Structure formats: C-alpha cells, structure tokens
Amino acid sequence: MRDAAADDAIERLKTAGLFRSVRKGRVWHENLVGDLGALDGYAKTSSRYEGYVRGERTKLLPFKNGPLSLRRSIRYEVLQRL
C-alpha cells in the first residue's frame, strides 16, 4: 500500500506540472538471512512482506539451514522541479 501511495503522489506532482520525470528504472535489492527461522522472523515483522504467500514457506523447507537471499526489484524515478 505504501508503494502505491508513493506512486500516486508522484503522478499527482507530475500532473500538476510541478515536476517532470528525467529518468526512471529499476535497481535490485538483496537481503541475506541466516536460515529459514531468521526469514520467518523477518517476514513476520516486516511491513514490506507481512508473512508468506500461501505455499511459499513449504517450498523453502529444503533450504532451511540457509543462508537465504531475498532479491527484489525496486522501481525508481528521478524528478526535476519545473
């Protein structure tokens, strides 16, 4: 929800003519966790992940002794004030 709210705010600024986009793209973010127990704790307390998608934890059981790597793509946009 926070990502969608941020995207909406940026679009409102551009629509209002206050800023223009000069560059956009994606970067990769990697987060290493020690084992499945550490991932459980992280997913439980992270506002980004809020637990697992149904069935995903079961797929990770063979890797329970870790280390595990979470990789995700992060969208960014550079704005210029008009």
Protein backbone atom coordinates (compact mmCIF):
# COMPACT_ATOMS: atom_id res chain seq x y z
CA MET A 1 0.00 0.00 0.00
CA ARG A 2 2.85 2.39 0.76
CA ASP A 3 4.36 1.84 -2.69
CA ALA A 4 1.03 2.56 -4.37
CA ALA A 5 0.55 5.71 -2.28
CA ALA A 6 4.04 6.93 -3.22
CA ASP A 7 3.39 6.21 -6.92
CA ASP A 8 0.10 8.12 -6.73
CA ALA A 9 1.77 11.12 -5.05
CA ILE A 10 4.45 11.29 -7.75
CA GLU A 11 1.83 11.11 -10.51
CA ARG A 12 -0.12 13.97 -8.87
CA LEU A 13 3.02 16.15 -8.79
CA LYS A 14 3.73 15.46 -12.44
CA THR A 15 0.10 16.01 -13.46
CA ALA A 16 0.05 19.32 -11.57
CA GLY A 17 3.07 20.41 -13.62
CA LEU A 18 5.33 20.83 -10.59
CA PHE A 19 7.87 18.16 -11.64
CA ARG A 20 8.85 16.21 -14.71
CA SER A 21 10.47 12.82 -14.96
CA VAL A 22 14.09 12.85 -16.13
CA ARG A 23 14.95 9.20 -15.55
CA LYS A 24 13.30 6.03 -14.30
CA GLY A 25 14.33 2.46 -13.92
CA ARG A 26 14.83 -0.43 -11.50
CA VAL A 27 17.55 -1.45 -9.09
CA TRP A 28 17.93 -4.79 -7.36
CA HIS A 29 17.99 -5.03 -3.58
CA GLU A 30 19.35 -8.14 -1.86
CA ASN A 31 18.80 -9.06 1.76
CA LEU A 32 20.67 -12.07 3.19
CA VAL A 33 19.18 -14.02 6.10
CA GLY A 34 20.89 -16.78 8.04
CA ASP A 35 18.28 -19.53 7.82
CA LEU A 36 14.57 -20.22 7.48
CA GLY A 37 13.96 -19.32 11.14
CA ALA A 38 15.51 -15.90 10.59
CA LEU A 39 13.41 -15.47 7.45
CA ASP A 40 10.28 -16.37 9.46
CA GLY A 41 11.11 -13.64 11.97
CA TYR A 42 11.85 -11.11 9.25
CA ALA A 43 8.67 -11.86 7.30
CA LYS A 44 6.56 -11.68 10.46
CA THR A 45 7.79 -8.22 11.43
CA SER A 46 8.37 -6.65 8.02
CA SER A 47 5.74 -4.24 6.75
CA ARG A 48 7.08 -4.99 3.25
CA TYR A 49 6.41 -8.75 3.29
CA GLU A 50 3.84 -9.36 6.07
CA GLY A 51 4.35 -13.11 6.10
CA TYR A 52 4.43 -15.57 3.22
CA VAL A 53 2.26 -16.02 0.18
CA ARG A 54 0.30 -19.25 0.63
CA GLY A 55 2.50 -22.28 -0.03
CA GLU A 56 5.77 -20.37 -0.39
CA ARG A 57 7.22 -21.38 3.01
CA THR A 58 6.82 -25.07 2.12
CA LYS A 59 8.95 -24.53 -0.99
CA LEU A 60 11.74 -23.11 1.21
CA LEU A 61 11.93 -26.08 3.63
CA PRO A 62 14.78 -27.79 1.70
CA PHE A 63 16.84 -24.63 2.28
CA LYS A 64 16.00 -24.28 5.99
CA ASN A 65 19.65 -24.29 7.09
CA GLY A 66 20.39 -21.26 4.93
CA PRO A 67 21.80 -18.91 4.10
CA LEU A 68 18.87 -17.49 2.16
CA SER A 69 18.85 -14.49 -0.11
CA LEU A 70 15.84 -12.27 -0.76
CA ARG A 71 16.12 -10.31 -4.00
CA ARG A 72 13.59 -7.84 -5.24
CA SER A 73 13.36 -5.21 -7.88
CA ILE A 74 12.80 -1.63 -6.72
CA ARG A 75 11.35 0.88 -9.16
CA TYR A 76 12.72 4.44 -9.00
CA GLU A 77 12.10 7.74 -10.75
CA VAL A 78 14.22 10.91 -10.74
CA LEU A 79 12.18 14.11 -10.94
CA GLN A 80 13.14 17.66 -11.85
CA ARG A 81 11.28 20.63 -10.40
CA LEU A 82 9.71 22.85 -13.04
